[in-house]
Amino acid sequence: MQSMVSLSVVCVAALMLCGCNQTQPVASAPPLRPAPAKFADLPAGTACAAKINRYQSVLGADEATGNVAQKVYNQVENELVEAAAACAAGRGNDALSLVHDSEVRHGYHV
């Protein structure tokens, strides 16, 4: 009887140790893609350039993983082109406002 209890304890311990060797899949987000060349003329170091590049990177990652419909992606890209033009023209506040409106419209909070 005691050998049955010992065997049971050994089996339970072995099963518990087997669970320690299982690997869990690690979820990882795809790396953010750099902003496209059409945003290359943004003034360096400005708030509007940083915001536009960040939004576009997040949007690009969503597009790459299928988390945004192509129609929405295209619409946001067009809105970012408009914001980038304002930013490049020195109208940073207008550009930030355009980006904010786009984020609200499409549910992004970048």
Foldseek 3Di string as FASTA:
>chain_A
DVVVVVVVVVVVVVVVVVVVPDDDDDDDQDDFDFDDPLLVLADPPDPLSVLLRVVLRVLVSCVVVVNDDPVLSVVVVVLSSVLSVCRSVVNSVVSVVSSVVSCVVVVHDD
